[in-house]
Amino acid sequence: MASATGSSAGGGARVPEASFAERVYALVRRIPRGKAVSYGGVAAMLGYPRAARGVGGALSALPPGTDVPWWRVVNRDGRISLPGPGGLIQRKLLQEEGVRFGPDDRLDWARHGWSGEDGTAEGE
């Protein structure tokens, strides 16, 4: 029987491991409305604390119309790091969920931060 890690015992079929991007998407889907996590926070929750850029790369590869709430991931300072229209869209989506930004354009981590310990994906 194959294990969840992709190894197989007794010659059974291999179950492939989820790719890093798929794991990012699964975790980001769990971020509750009105909450946010940093790119590094997502990476750390996945066991790769130095892979913040990999998280950003995975999110930037999402197709239009995705069900992954990419806008809930911001930089470590609580700021939106997307330039131009993408950043404006991200800010609007967060604000529609009740996230507020201070005069320094940072969200309040104490109020809107998510540690991965609570909440489920929307629709569950």
PDB file of N, CA and C in Angstrom:
ATOM      1  N   MET A   1       0.846  -1.179   0.000  1.00  0.00           N
ATOM      2  CA  MET A   1       0.000   0.000   0.000  1.00  0.00           C
ATOM      3  C   MET A   1       0.882   1.229   0.000  1.00  0.00           C
ATOM      4  N   ALA A   2       0.533   2.242  -0.755  1.00  0.00           N
ATOM      5  CA  ALA A   2       1.340   3.456  -0.847  1.00  0.00           C
ATOM      6  C   ALA A   2       1.063   4.346   0.346  1.00  0.00           C
ATOM      7  N   SER A   3       2.101   5.017   0.791  1.00  0.00           N
ATOM      8  CA  SER A   3       1.931   5.957   1.895  1.00  0.00           C
ATOM      9  C   SER A   3       1.623   7.339   1.352  1.00  0.00           C
ATOM     10  N   ALA A   4       1.243   8.235   2.240  1.00  0.00           N
ATOM     11  CA  ALA A   4       0.929   9.612   1.844  1.00  0.00           C
ATOM     12  C   ALA A   4       2.160  10.353   1.362  1.00  0.00           C
ATOM     13  N   THR A   5       3.328   9.836   1.651  1.00  0.00           N
ATOM     14  CA  THR A   5       4.546  10.527   1.245  1.00  0.00           C
ATOM     15  C   THR A   5       5.067  10.055  -0.099  1.00  0.00           C
ATOM     16  N   GLY A   6       4.346   9.193  -0.726  1.00  0.00           N
ATOM     17  CA  GLY A   6       4.750   8.764  -2.054  1.00  0.00           C
ATOM     18  C   GLY A   6       5.578   7.501  -2.075  1.00  0.00           C
ATOM     19  N   SER A   7       5.928   6.948  -0.925  1.00  0.00           N
ATOM     20  CA  SER A   7       6.674   5.694  -0.934  1.00  0.00           C
ATOM     21  C   SER A   7       5.691   4.549  -1.042  1.00  0.00           C
ATOM     22  N   SER A   8       6.207   3.410  -1.451  1.00  0.00           N
ATOM     23  CA  SER A   8       5.298   2.287  -1.562  1.00  0.00           C
ATOM     24  C   SER A   8       5.911   1.088  -0.865  1.00  0.00           C
ATOM     25  N   ALA A   9       5.064   0.354  -0.199  1.00  0.00           N
ATOM     26  CA  ALA A   9       5.511  -0.851   0.478  1.00  0.00           C
ATOM     27  C   ALA A   9       4.915  -2.040  -0.250  1.00  0.00           C
ATOM     28  N   GLY A  10       5.694  -3.069  -0.447  1.00  0.00           N
ATOM     29  CA  GLY A  10       5.193  -4.279  -1.070  1.00  0.00           C
ATOM     30  C   GLY A  10       4.907  -4.133  -2.554  1.00  0.00           C
ATOM     31  N   GLY A  11       5.504  -3.127  -3.203  1.00  0.00           N
ATOM     32  CA  GLY A  11       5.365  -2.989  -4.634  1.00  0.00           C
ATOM     33  C   GLY A  11       4.052  -2.382  -5.094  1.00  0.00           C
ATOM     34  N   GLY A  12       3.263  -1.818  -4.183  1.00  0.00           N
ATOM     35  CA  GLY A  12       1.995  -1.201  -4.557  1.00  0.00           C
ATOM     36  C   GLY A  12       2.212   0.071  -5.367  1.00  0.00           C
ATOM     37  N   ALA A  13       1.129   0.594  -5.874  1.00  0.00           N
ATOM     38  CA  ALA A  13       1.193   1.828  -6.664  1.00  0.00           C
ATOM     39  C   ALA A  13       1.636   2.990  -5.796  1.00  0.00           C
ATOM     40  N   ARG A  14       2.420   3.883  -6.402  1.00  0.00           N
ATOM     41  CA  ARG A  14       2.890   5.068  -5.679  1.00  0.00           C
ATOM     42  C   ARG A  14       1.817   6.151  -5.702  1.00  0.00           C
ATOM     43  N   VAL A  15       1.630   6.781  -4.570  1.00  0.00           N
ATOM     44  CA  VAL A  15       0.747   7.936  -4.476  1.00  0.00           C
ATOM     45  C   VAL A  15       1.663   9.148  -4.489  1.00  0.00           C
ATOM     46  N   PRO A  16       1.576   9.979  -5.509  1.00  0.00           N
ATOM     47  CA  PRO A  16       2.507  11.099  -5.580  1.00  0.00           C
ATOM     48  C   PRO A  16       2.266  12.106  -4.465  1.00  0.00           C
ATOM     49  N   GLU A  17       3.351  12.684  -3.990  1.00  0.00           N
ATOM     50  CA  GLU A  17       3.249  13.756  -3.015  1.00  0.00           C
ATOM     51  C   GLU A  17       2.633  14.968  -3.689  1.00  0.00           C
ATOM     52  N   ALA A  18       1.930  15.761  -2.918  1.00  0.00           N
ATOM     53  CA  ALA A  18       1.410  17.017  -3.447  1.00  0.00           C
ATOM     54  C   ALA A  18       2.596  17.936  -3.710  1.00  0.00           C
ATOM     55  N   SER A  19       2.537  18.656  -4.802  1.00  0.00           N
ATOM     56  CA  SER A  19       3.621  19.595  -5.094  1.00  0.00           C
ATOM     57  C   SER A  19       3.597  20.714  -4.063  1.00  0.00           C
ATOM     58  N   PHE A  20       4.702  21.437  -3.980  1.00  0.00           N
ATOM     59  CA  PHE A  20       4.779  22.566  -3.066  1.00  0.00           C
ATOM     60  C   PHE A  20       3.637  23.539  -3.364  1.00  0.00           C
ATOM     61  N   ALA A  21       3.416  23.846  -4.632  1.00  0.00           N
ATOM     62  CA  ALA A  21       2.349  24.792  -4.999  1.00  0.00           C
ATOM     63  C   ALA A  21       0.990  24.277  -4.547  1.00  0.00           C
ATOM     64  N   GLU A  22       0.711  22.993  -4.736  1.00  0.00           N
ATOM     65  CA  GLU A  22      -0.569  22.437  -4.310  1.00  0.00           C
ATOM     66  C   GLU A  22      -0.743  22.543  -2.801  1.00  0.00           C
ATOM     67  N   ARG A  23       0.352  22.346  -2.063  1.00  0.00           N
ATOM     68  CA  ARG A  23       0.295  22.475  -0.609  1.00  0.00           C
ATOM     69  C   ARG A  23       0.047  23.923  -0.209  1.00  0.00           C
ATOM     70  N   VAL A  24       0.668  24.875  -0.936  1.00  0.00           N
ATOM     71  CA  VAL A  24       0.418  26.295  -0.688  1.00  0.00           C
ATOM     72  C   VAL A  24      -1.062  26.596  -0.897  1.00  0.00           C
ATOM     73  N   TYR A  25      -1.610  26.148  -2.012  1.00  0.00           N
ATOM     74  CA  TYR A  25      -3.010  26.431  -2.331  1.00  0.00           C
ATOM     75  C   TYR A  25      -3.945  25.847  -1.273  1.00  0.00           C
ATOM     76  N   ALA A  26      -3.676  24.632  -0.844  1.00  0.00           N
ATOM     77  CA  ALA A  26      -4.524  23.993   0.169  1.00  0.00           C
ATOM     78  C   ALA A  26      -4.507  24.793   1.469  1.00  0.00           C
ATOM     79  N   LEU A  27      -3.334  25.272   1.868  1.00  0.00           N
ATOM     80  CA  LEU A  27      -3.239  26.048   3.103  1.00  0.00           C
ATOM     81  C   LEU A  27      -3.913  27.407   2.950  1.00  0.00           C
ATOM     82  N   VAL A  28      -3.682  28.075   1.851  1.00  0.00           N
ATOM     83  CA  VAL A  28      -4.270  29.404   1.643  1.00  0.00           C
ATOM     84  C   VAL A  28      -5.800  29.309   1.600  1.00  0.00           C
ATOM     85  N   ARG A  29      -6.336  28.214   1.103  1.00  0.00           N
ATOM     86  CA  ARG A  29      -7.797  28.026   1.109  1.00  0.00           C
ATOM     87  C   ARG A  29      -8.355  27.974   2.527  1.00  0.00           C
ATOM     88  N   ARG A  30      -7.535  27.636   3.496  1.00  0.00           N
ATOM     89  CA  ARG A  30      -7.970  27.536   4.897  1.00  0.00           C
ATOM     90  C   ARG A  30      -7.973  28.879   5.622  1.00  0.00           C
ATOM     91  N   ILE A  31      -7.352  29.899   5.055  1.00  0.00           N
ATOM     92  CA  ILE A  31      -7.302  31.196   5.736  1.00  0.00           C
ATOM     93  C   ILE A  31      -8.716  31.771   5.782  1.00  0.00           C
ATOM     94  N   PRO A  32      -9.218  32.047   6.978  1.00  0.00           N
ATOM     95  CA  PRO A  32     -10.597  32.547   7.080  1.00  0.00           C
ATOM     96  C   PRO A  32     -10.753  33.958   6.502  1.00  0.00           C
ATOM     97  N   ARG A  33     -11.976  34.274   6.115  1.00  0.00           N
ATOM     98  CA  ARG A  33     -12.301  35.634   5.678  1.00  0.00           C
ATOM     99  C   ARG A  33     -11.884  36.618   6.768  1.00  0.00           C
ATOM    100  N   GLY A  34     -11.347  37.750   6.358  1.00  0.00           N
ATOM    101  CA  GLY A  34     -10.970  38.782   7.311  1.00  0.00           C
ATOM    102  C   GLY A  34      -9.636  38.539   7.993  1.00  0.00           C
ATOM    103  N   LYS A  35      -8.931  37.500   7.576  1.00  0.00           N
ATOM    104  CA  LYS A  35      -7.619  37.181   8.154  1.00  0.00           C
ATOM    105  C   LYS A  35      -6.573  37.187   7.054  1.00  0.00           C
ATOM    106  N   ALA A  36      -5.316  37.278   7.450  1.00  0.00           N
ATOM    107  CA  ALA A  36      -4.215  37.289   6.491  1.00  0.00           C
ATOM    108  C   ALA A  36      -3.003  36.602   7.102  1.00  0.00           C
ATOM    109  N   VAL A  37      -2.117  36.166   6.242  1.00  0.00           N
ATOM    110  CA  VAL A  37      -0.868  35.513   6.628  1.00  0.00           C
ATOM    111  C   VAL A  37       0.220  36.069   5.724  1.00  0.00           C
ATOM    112  N   SER A  38       1.437  36.115   6.219  1.00  0.00           N
ATOM    113  CA  SER A  38       2.555  36.546   5.376  1.00  0.00           C
ATOM    114  C   SER A  38       3.008  35.384   4.494  1.00  0.00           C
ATOM    115  N   TYR A  39       3.719  35.723   3.429  1.00  0.00           N
ATOM    116  CA  TYR A  39       4.286  34.684   2.558  1.00  0.00           C
ATOM    117  C   TYR A  39       5.163  33.744   3.388  1.00  0.00           C
ATOM    118  N   GLY A  40       5.976  34.327   4.259  1.00  0.00           N
ATOM    119  CA  GLY A  40       6.839  33.520   5.124  1.00  0.00           C
ATOM    120  C   GLY A  40       6.058  32.689   6.118  1.00  0.00           C
ATOM    121  N   GLY A  41       4.926  33.220   6.583  1.00  0.00           N
ATOM    122  CA  GLY A  41       4.073  32.464   7.496  1.00  0.00           C
ATOM    123  C   GLY A  41       3.509  31.229   6.836  1.00  0.00           C
ATOM    124  N   VAL A  42       3.063  31.368   5.593  1.00  0.00           N
ATOM    125  CA  VAL A  42       2.568  30.209   4.844  1.00  0.00           C
ATOM    126  C   VAL A  42       3.690  29.185   4.697  1.00  0.00           C
ATOM    127  N   ALA A  43       4.863  29.665   4.298  1.00  0.00           N
ATOM    128  CA  ALA A  43       6.005  28.763   4.105  1.00  0.00           C
ATOM    129  C   ALA A  43       6.340  28.024   5.403  1.00  0.00           C
ATOM    130  N   ALA A  44       6.361  28.746   6.516  1.00  0.00           N
ATOM    131  CA  ALA A  44       6.692  28.129   7.804  1.00  0.00           C
ATOM    132  C   ALA A  44       5.648  27.085   8.201  1.00  0.00           C
ATOM    133  N   MET A  45       4.373  27.392   7.968  1.00  0.00           N
ATOM    134  CA  MET A  45       3.321  26.423   8.305  1.00  0.00           C
ATOM    135  C   MET A  45       3.458  25.138   7.494  1.00  0.00           C
ATOM    136  N   LEU A  46       4.047  25.252   6.313  1.00  0.00           N
ATOM    137  CA  LEU A  46       4.249  24.077   5.461  1.00  0.00           C
ATOM    138  C   LEU A  46       5.555  23.347   5.784  1.00  0.00           C
ATOM    139  N   GLY A  47       6.332  23.896   6.721  1.00  0.00           N
ATOM    140  CA  GLY A  47       7.587  23.264   7.097  1.00  0.00           C
ATOM    141  C   GLY A  47       8.786  23.753   6.309  1.00  0.00           C
ATOM    142  N   TYR A  48       8.632  24.850   5.589  1.00  0.00           N
ATOM    143  CA  TYR A  48       9.709  25.436   4.789  1.00  0.00           C
ATOM    144  C   TYR A  48       9.873  26.910   5.153  1.00  0.00           C
ATOM    145  N   PRO A  49      10.392  27.213   6.337  1.00  0.00           N
ATOM    146  CA  PRO A  49      10.410  28.594   6.820  1.00  0.00           C
ATOM    147  C   PRO A  49      11.201  29.580   5.959  1.00  0.00           C
ATOM    148  N   ARG A  50      12.023  29.096   5.064  1.00  0.00           N
ATOM    149  CA  ARG A  50      12.811  30.001   4.223  1.00  0.00           C
ATOM    150  C   ARG A  50      12.283  30.067   2.777  1.00  0.00           C
ATOM    151  N   ALA A  51      11.051  29.618   2.567  1.00  0.00           N
ATOM    152  CA  ALA A  51      10.511  29.528   1.213  1.00  0.00           C
ATOM    153  C   ALA A  51       9.428  30.572   0.911  1.00  0.00           C
ATOM    154  N   ALA A  52       9.535  31.749   1.513  1.00  0.00           N
ATOM    155  CA  ALA A  52       8.532  32.797   1.276  1.00  0.00           C
ATOM    156  C   ALA A  52       8.425  33.135  -0.209  1.00  0.00           C
ATOM    157  N   ARG A  53       9.553  33.216  -0.895  1.00  0.00           N
ATOM    158  CA  ARG A  53       9.510  33.528  -2.328  1.00  0.00           C
ATOM    159  C   ARG A  53       8.855  32.411  -3.128  1.00  0.00           C
ATOM    160  N   GLY A  54       9.029  31.191  -2.685  1.00  0.00           N
ATOM    161  CA  GLY A  54       8.356  30.070  -3.342  1.00  0.00           C
ATOM    162  C   GLY A  54       6.844  30.166  -3.206  1.00  0.00           C
ATOM    163  N   VAL A  55       6.387  30.633  -2.041  1.00  0.00           N
ATOM    164  CA  VAL A  55       4.953  30.839  -1.841  1.00  0.00           C
ATOM    165  C   VAL A  55       4.464  31.919  -2.805  1.00  0.00           C
ATOM    166  N   GLY A  56       5.210  33.015  -2.894  1.00  0.00           N
ATOM    167  CA  GLY A  56       4.844  34.079  -3.823  1.00  0.00           C
ATOM    168  C   GLY A  56       4.804  33.590  -5.257  1.00  0.00           C
ATOM    169  N   GLY A  57       5.780  32.771  -5.626  1.00  0.00           N
ATOM    170  CA  GLY A  57       5.809  32.220  -6.982  1.00  0.00           C
ATOM    171  C   GLY A  57       4.620  31.327  -7.261  1.00  0.00           C
ATOM    172  N   ALA A  58       4.259  30.503  -6.277  1.00  0.00           N
ATOM    173  CA  ALA A  58       3.103  29.619  -6.449  1.00  0.00           C
ATOM    174  C   ALA A  58       1.822  30.441  -6.613  1.00  0.00           C
ATOM    175  N   LEU A  59       1.663  31.460  -5.795  1.00  0.00           N
ATOM    176  CA  LEU A  59       0.451  32.281  -5.878  1.00  0.00           C
ATOM    177  C   LEU A  59       0.403  33.080  -7.180  1.00  0.00           C
ATOM    178  N   SER A  60       1.557  33.522  -7.646  1.00  0.00           N
ATOM    179  CA  SER A  60       1.562  34.306  -8.893  1.00  0.00           C
ATOM    180  C   SER A  60       1.242  33.437 -10.109  1.00  0.00           C
ATOM    181  N   ALA A  61       1.353  32.119  -9.960  1.00  0.00           N
ATOM    182  CA  ALA A  61       1.068  31.203 -11.067  1.00  0.00           C
ATOM    183  C   ALA A  61      -0.405  30.787 -11.132  1.00  0.00           C
ATOM    184  N   LEU A  62      -1.205  31.268 -10.195  1.00  0.00           N
ATOM    185  CA  LEU A  62      -2.623  30.893 -10.195  1.00  0.00           C
ATOM    186  C   LEU A  62      -3.325  31.427 -11.442  1.00  0.00           C
ATOM    187  N   PRO A  63      -4.239  30.642 -11.987  1.00  0.00           N
ATOM    188  CA  PRO A  63      -4.992  31.114 -13.159  1.00  0.00           C
ATOM    189  C   PRO A  63      -6.083  32.101 -12.741  1.00  0.00           C
ATOM    190  N   PRO A  64      -6.528  32.930 -13.662  1.00  0.00           N
ATOM    191  CA  PRO A  64      -7.653  33.816 -13.358  1.00  0.00           C
ATOM    192  C   PRO A  64      -8.873  32.992 -12.947  1.00  0.00           C
ATOM    193  N   GLY A  65      -9.645  33.528 -12.014  1.00  0.00           N
ATOM    194  CA  GLY A  65     -10.854  32.844 -11.577  1.00  0.00           C
ATOM    195  C   GLY A  65     -10.623  31.719 -10.583  1.00  0.00           C
ATOM    196  N   THR A  66      -9.430  31.619 -10.051  1.00  0.00           N
ATOM    197  CA  THR A  66      -9.115  30.558  -9.089  1.00  0.00           C
ATOM    198  C   THR A  66      -9.973  30.668  -7.835  1.00  0.00           C
ATOM    199  N   ASP A  67     -10.148  29.542  -7.151  1.00  0.00           N
ATOM    200  CA  ASP A  67     -10.854  29.557  -5.871  1.00  0.00           C
ATOM    201  C   ASP A  67      -9.894  29.750  -4.694  1.00  0.00           C
ATOM    202  N   VAL A  68      -8.620  29.930  -4.960  1.00  0.00           N
ATOM    203  CA  VAL A  68      -7.628  30.146  -3.907  1.00  0.00           C
ATOM    204  C   VAL A  68      -7.638  31.631  -3.539  1.00  0.00           C
ATOM    205  N   PRO A  69      -7.925  31.974  -2.283  1.00  0.00           N
ATOM    206  CA  PRO A  69      -7.990  33.377  -1.883  1.00  0.00           C
ATOM    207  C   PRO A  69      -6.598  34.002  -1.701  1.00  0.00           C
ATOM    208  N   TRP A  70      -5.900  34.162  -2.785  1.00  0.00           N
ATOM    209  CA  TRP A  70      -4.520  34.658  -2.820  1.00  0.00           C
ATOM    210  C   TRP A  70      -4.365  36.006  -2.134  1.00  0.00           C
ATOM    211  N   TRP A  71      -5.410  36.810  -2.131  1.00  0.00           N
ATOM    212  CA  TRP A  71      -5.336  38.162  -1.568  1.00  0.00           C
ATOM    213  C   TRP A  71      -5.131  38.159  -0.064  1.00  0.00           C
ATOM    214  N   ARG A  72      -5.308  37.019   0.582  1.00  0.00           N
ATOM    215  CA  ARG A  72      -5.127  36.926   2.036  1.00  0.00           C
ATOM    216  C   ARG A  72      -3.674  36.708   2.435  1.00  0.00           C
ATOM    217  N   VAL A  73      -2.767  36.744   1.480  1.00  0.00           N
ATOM    218  CA  VAL A  73      -1.340  36.583   1.762  1.00  0.00           C
ATOM    219  C   VAL A  73      -0.643  37.901   1.425  1.00  0.00           C
ATOM    220  N   VAL A  74       0.024  38.454   2.431  1.00  0.00           N
ATOM    221  CA  VAL A  74       0.684  39.759   2.298  1.00  0.00           C
ATOM    222  C   VAL A  74       2.139  39.638   2.742  1.00  0.00           C
ATOM    223  N   ASN A  75       2.887  40.729   2.658  1.00  0.00           N
ATOM    224  CA  ASN A  75       4.292  40.631   3.065  1.00  0.00           C
ATOM    225  C   ASN A  75       4.427  40.638   4.588  1.00  0.00           C
ATOM    226  N   ARG A  76       5.615  40.392   5.066  1.00  0.00           N
ATOM    227  CA  ARG A  76       5.837  40.216   6.507  1.00  0.00           C
ATOM    228  C   ARG A  76       5.542  41.469   7.319  1.00  0.00           C
ATOM    229  N   ASP A  77       5.526  42.622   6.652  1.00  0.00           N
ATOM    230  CA  ASP A  77       5.216  43.868   7.343  1.00  0.00           C
ATOM    231  C   ASP A  77       3.722  44.139   7.403  1.00  0.00           C
ATOM    232  N   GLY A  78       2.918  43.247   6.819  1.00  0.00           N
ATOM    233  CA  GLY A  78       1.482  43.449   6.788  1.00  0.00           C
ATOM    234  C   GLY A  78       1.049  44.373   5.670  1.00  0.00           C
ATOM    235  N   ARG A  79       1.906  44.511   4.689  1.00  0.00           N
ATOM    236  CA  ARG A  79       1.605  45.371   3.543  1.00  0.00           C
ATOM    237  C   ARG A  79       1.376  44.529   2.296  1.00  0.00           C
ATOM    238  N   ILE A  80       0.654  45.127   1.381  1.00  0.00           N
ATOM    239  CA  ILE A  80       0.461  44.512   0.071  1.00  0.00           C
ATOM    240  C   ILE A  80       1.708  44.791  -0.745  1.00  0.00           C
ATOM    241  N   SER A  81       2.260  43.759  -1.338  1.00  0.00           N
ATOM    242  CA  SER A  81       3.498  43.944  -2.092  1.00  0.00           C
ATOM    243  C   SER A  81       3.298  43.940  -3.596  1.00  0.00           C
ATOM    244  N   LEU A  82       2.080  43.659  -4.046  1.00  0.00           N
ATOM    245  CA  LEU A  82       1.819  43.684  -5.482  1.00  0.00           C
ATOM    246  C   LEU A  82       1.780  45.133  -5.964  1.00  0.00           C
ATOM    247  N   PRO A  83       2.462  45.437  -7.049  1.00  0.00           N
ATOM    248  CA  PRO A  83       2.406  46.800  -7.581  1.00  0.00           C
ATOM    249  C   PRO A  83       1.171  47.011  -8.459  1.00  0.00           C
ATOM    250  N   GLY A  84       0.824  48.245  -8.653  1.00  0.00           N
ATOM    251  CA  GLY A  84      -0.202  48.625  -9.625  1.00  0.00           C
ATOM    252  C   GLY A  84      -1.577  48.067  -9.358  1.00  0.00           C
ATOM    253  N   PRO A  85      -2.295  47.738 -10.448  1.00  0.00           N
ATOM    254  CA  PRO A  85      -3.683  47.284 -10.323  1.00  0.00           C
ATOM    255  C   PRO A  85      -3.843  46.036  -9.460  1.00  0.00           C
ATOM    256  N   GLY A  86      -2.896  45.117  -9.511  1.00  0.00           N
ATOM    257  CA  GLY A  86      -2.996  43.900  -8.692  1.00  0.00           C
ATOM    258  C   GLY A  86      -3.047  44.227  -7.212  1.00  0.00           C
ATOM    259  N   GLY A  87      -2.233  45.171  -6.780  1.00  0.00           N
ATOM    260  CA  GLY A  87      -2.234  45.584  -5.378  1.00  0.00           C
ATOM    261  C   GLY A  87      -3.522  46.270  -4.978  1.00  0.00           C
ATOM    262  N   LEU A  88      -4.074  47.067  -5.890  1.00  0.00           N
ATOM    263  CA  LEU A  88      -5.346  47.741  -5.610  1.00  0.00           C
ATOM    264  C   LEU A  88      -6.476  46.719  -5.473  1.00  0.00           C
ATOM    265  N   ILE A  89      -6.462  45.706  -6.324  1.00  0.00           N
ATOM    266  CA  ILE A  89      -7.471  44.644  -6.244  1.00  0.00           C
ATOM    267  C   ILE A  89      -7.327  43.887  -4.928  1.00  0.00           C
ATOM    268  N   GLN A  90      -6.081  43.550  -4.561  1.00  0.00           N
ATOM    269  CA  GLN A  90      -5.848  42.822  -3.319  1.00  0.00           C
ATOM    270  C   GLN A  90      -6.347  43.627  -2.117  1.00  0.00           C
ATOM    271  N   ARG A  91      -6.030  44.890  -2.084  1.00  0.00           N
ATOM    272  CA  ARG A  91      -6.465  45.742  -0.971  1.00  0.00           C
ATOM    273  C   ARG A  91      -8.000  45.792  -0.907  1.00  0.00           C
ATOM    274  N   LYS A  92      -8.643  45.965  -2.054  1.00  0.00           N
ATOM    275  CA  LYS A  92     -10.108  46.027  -2.108  1.00  0.00           C
ATOM    276  C   LYS A  92     -10.723  44.735  -1.596  1.00  0.00           C
ATOM    277  N   LEU A  93     -10.193  43.586  -2.035  1.00  0.00           N
ATOM    278  CA  LEU A  93     -10.728  42.299  -1.593  1.00  0.00           C
ATOM    279  C   LEU A  93     -10.572  42.116  -0.082  1.00  0.00           C
ATOM    280  N   LEU A  94      -9.426  42.507   0.449  1.00  0.00           N
ATOM    281  CA  LEU A  94      -9.215  42.407   1.895  1.00  0.00           C
ATOM    282  C   LEU A  94     -10.170  43.333   2.643  1.00  0.00           C
ATOM    283  N   GLN A  95     -10.314  44.555   2.158  1.00  0.00           N
ATOM    284  CA  GLN A  95     -11.215  45.500   2.818  1.00  0.00           C
ATOM    285  C   GLN A  95     -12.658  45.019   2.783  1.00  0.00           C
ATOM    286  N   GLU A  96     -13.056  44.370   1.689  1.00  0.00           N
ATOM    287  CA  GLU A  96     -14.412  43.816   1.605  1.00  0.00           C
ATOM    288  C   GLU A  96     -14.641  42.733   2.650  1.00  0.00           C
ATOM    289  N   GLU A  97     -13.566  42.114   3.117  1.00  0.00           N
ATOM    290  CA  GLU A  97     -13.663  41.078   4.154  1.00  0.00           C
ATOM    291  C   GLU A  97     -13.516  41.666   5.557  1.00  0.00           C
ATOM    292  N   GLY A  98     -13.390  42.983   5.650  1.00  0.00           N
ATOM    293  CA  GLY A  98     -13.287  43.625   6.957  1.00  0.00           C
ATOM    294  C   GLY A  98     -11.880  43.933   7.415  1.00  0.00           C
ATOM    295  N   VAL A  99     -10.882  43.643   6.598  1.00  0.00           N
ATOM    296  CA  VAL A  99      -9.501  43.947   6.972  1.00  0.00           C
ATOM    297  C   VAL A  99      -9.295  45.447   6.818  1.00  0.00           C
ATOM    298  N   ARG A 100      -8.733  46.053   7.847  1.00  0.00           N
ATOM    299  CA  ARG A 100      -8.465  47.485   7.832  1.00  0.00           C
ATOM    300  C   ARG A 100      -6.960  47.716   7.847  1.00  0.00           C
ATOM    301  N   PHE A 101      -6.563  48.750   7.148  1.00  0.00           N
ATOM    302  CA  PHE A 101      -5.158  49.140   7.069  1.00  0.00           C
ATOM    303  C   PHE A 101      -4.957  50.444   7.826  1.00  0.00           C
ATOM    304  N   GLY A 102      -3.818  50.555   8.499  1.00  0.00           N
ATOM    305  CA  GLY A 102      -3.493  51.780   9.218  1.00  0.00           C
ATOM    306  C   GLY A 102      -2.975  52.845   8.266  1.00  0.00           C
ATOM    307  N   PRO A 103      -2.661  54.016   8.820  1.00  0.00           N
ATOM    308  CA  PRO A 103      -2.152  55.110   7.984  1.00  0.00           C
ATOM    309  C   PRO A 103      -0.819  54.767   7.308  1.00  0.00           C
ATOM    310  N   ASP A 104      -0.129  53.774   7.835  1.00  0.00           N
ATOM    311  CA  ASP A 104       1.137  53.329   7.242  1.00  0.00           C
ATOM    312  C   ASP A 104       0.922  52.208   6.223  1.00  0.00           C
ATOM    313  N   ASP A 105      -0.335  51.949   5.863  1.00  0.00           N
ATOM    314  CA  ASP A 105      -0.721  50.912   4.903  1.00  0.00           C
ATOM    315  C   ASP A 105      -0.423  49.495   5.373  1.00  0.00           C
ATOM    316  N   ARG A 106      -0.318  49.298   6.672  1.00  0.00           N
ATOM    317  CA  ARG A 106      -0.111  47.963   7.242  1.00  0.00           C
ATOM    318  C   ARG A 106      -1.405  47.485   7.876  1.00  0.00           C
ATOM    319  N   LEU A 107      -1.656  46.183   7.741  1.00  0.00           N
ATOM    320  CA  LEU A 107      -2.789  45.634   8.471  1.00  0.00           C
ATOM    321  C   LEU A 107      -2.350  45.333   9.891  1.00  0.00           C
ATOM    322  N   ASP A 108      -3.293  45.250  10.778  1.00  0.00           N
ATOM    323  CA  ASP A 108      -3.033  44.975  12.186  1.00  0.00           C
ATOM    324  C   ASP A 108      -2.949  43.457  12.377  1.00  0.00           C
ATOM    325  N   TRP A 109      -1.717  42.955  12.568  1.00  0.00           N
ATOM    326  CA  TRP A 109      -1.538  41.508  12.715  1.00  0.00           C
ATOM    327  C   TRP A 109      -2.300  40.961  13.911  1.00  0.00           C
ATOM    328  N   ALA A 110      -2.365  41.734  14.993  1.00  0.00           N
ATOM    329  CA  ALA A 110      -3.065  41.241  16.193  1.00  0.00           C
ATOM    330  C   ALA A 110      -4.546  41.008  15.904  1.00  0.00           C
ATOM    331  N   ARG A 111      -5.115  41.806  15.037  1.00  0.00           N
ATOM    332  CA  ARG A 111      -6.532  41.706  14.728  1.00  0.00           C
ATOM    333  C   ARG A 111      -6.809  40.791  13.529  1.00  0.00           C
ATOM    334  N   HIS A 112      -5.962  40.874  12.518  1.00  0.00           N
ATOM    335  CA  HIS A 112      -6.242  40.185  11.254  1.00  0.00           C
ATOM    336  C   HIS A 112      -5.279  39.049  10.917  1.00  0.00           C
ATOM    337  N   GLY A 113      -4.284  38.801  11.763  1.00  0.00           N
ATOM    338  CA  GLY A 113      -3.349  37.719  11.486  1.00  0.00           C
ATOM    339  C   GLY A 113      -3.960  36.357  11.760  1.00  0.00           C
ATOM    340  N   TRP A 114      -3.523  35.370  11.021  1.00  0.00           N
ATOM    341  CA  TRP A 114      -3.992  33.990  11.190  1.00  0.00           C
ATOM    342  C   TRP A 114      -2.796  33.092  11.404  1.00  0.00           C
ATOM    343  N   SER A 115      -2.871  32.234  12.421  1.00  0.00           N
ATOM    344  CA  SER A 115      -1.762  31.353  12.768  1.00  0.00           C
ATOM    345  C   SER A 115      -1.897  29.955  12.208  1.00  0.00           C
ATOM    346  N   GLY A 116      -3.008  29.678  11.557  1.00  0.00           N
ATOM    347  CA  GLY A 116      -3.224  28.345  11.016  1.00  0.00           C
ATOM    348  C   GLY A 116      -3.930  27.416  11.969  1.00  0.00           C
ATOM    349  N   GLU A 117      -4.248  27.901  13.156  1.00  0.00           N
ATOM    350  CA  GLU A 117      -4.838  27.031  14.161  1.00  0.00           C
ATOM    351  C   GLU A 117      -6.353  27.053  14.194  1.00  0.00           C
ATOM    352  N   ASP A 118      -6.943  28.036  13.570  1.00  0.00           N
ATOM    353  CA  ASP A 118      -8.403  28.121  13.617  1.00  0.00           C
ATOM    354  C   ASP A 118      -8.939  28.334  12.208  1.00  0.00           C
ATOM    355  N   GLY A 119     -10.190  28.068  12.032  1.00  0.00           N
ATOM    356  CA  GLY A 119     -10.834  28.318  10.744  1.00  0.00           C
ATOM    357  C   GLY A 119     -10.705  27.154   9.782  1.00  0.00           C
ATOM    358  N   THR A 120     -11.626  27.112   8.876  1.00  0.00           N
ATOM    359  CA  THR A 120     -11.617  26.103   7.832  1.00  0.00           C
ATOM    360  C   THR A 120     -11.848  26.795   6.517  1.00  0.00           C
ATOM    361  N   ALA A 121     -11.704  26.085   5.453  1.00  0.00           N
ATOM    362  CA  ALA A 121     -11.957  26.662   4.142  1.00  0.00           C
ATOM    363  C   ALA A 121     -13.417  27.068   4.047  1.00  0.00           C
ATOM    364  N   GLU A 122     -13.665  28.144   3.333  1.00  0.00           N
ATOM    365  CA  GLU A 122     -15.034  28.583   3.162  1.00  0.00           C
ATOM    366  C   GLU A 122     -15.823  27.488   2.457  1.00  0.00           C
ATOM    367  N   GLY A 123     -17.079  27.368   2.844  1.00  0.00           N
ATOM    368  CA  GLY A 123     -17.925  26.382   2.203  1.00  0.00           C
ATOM    369  C   GLY A 123     -17.854  25.004   2.843  1.00  0.00           C
ATOM    370  N   GLU A 124     -17.027  24.824   3.846  1.00  0.00           N
ATOM    371  CA  GLU A 124     -16.963  23.520   4.498  1.00  0.00           C
ATOM    372  C   GLU A 124     -17.998  23.433   5.606  1.00  0.00           C
TER     373      GLU A 124
END
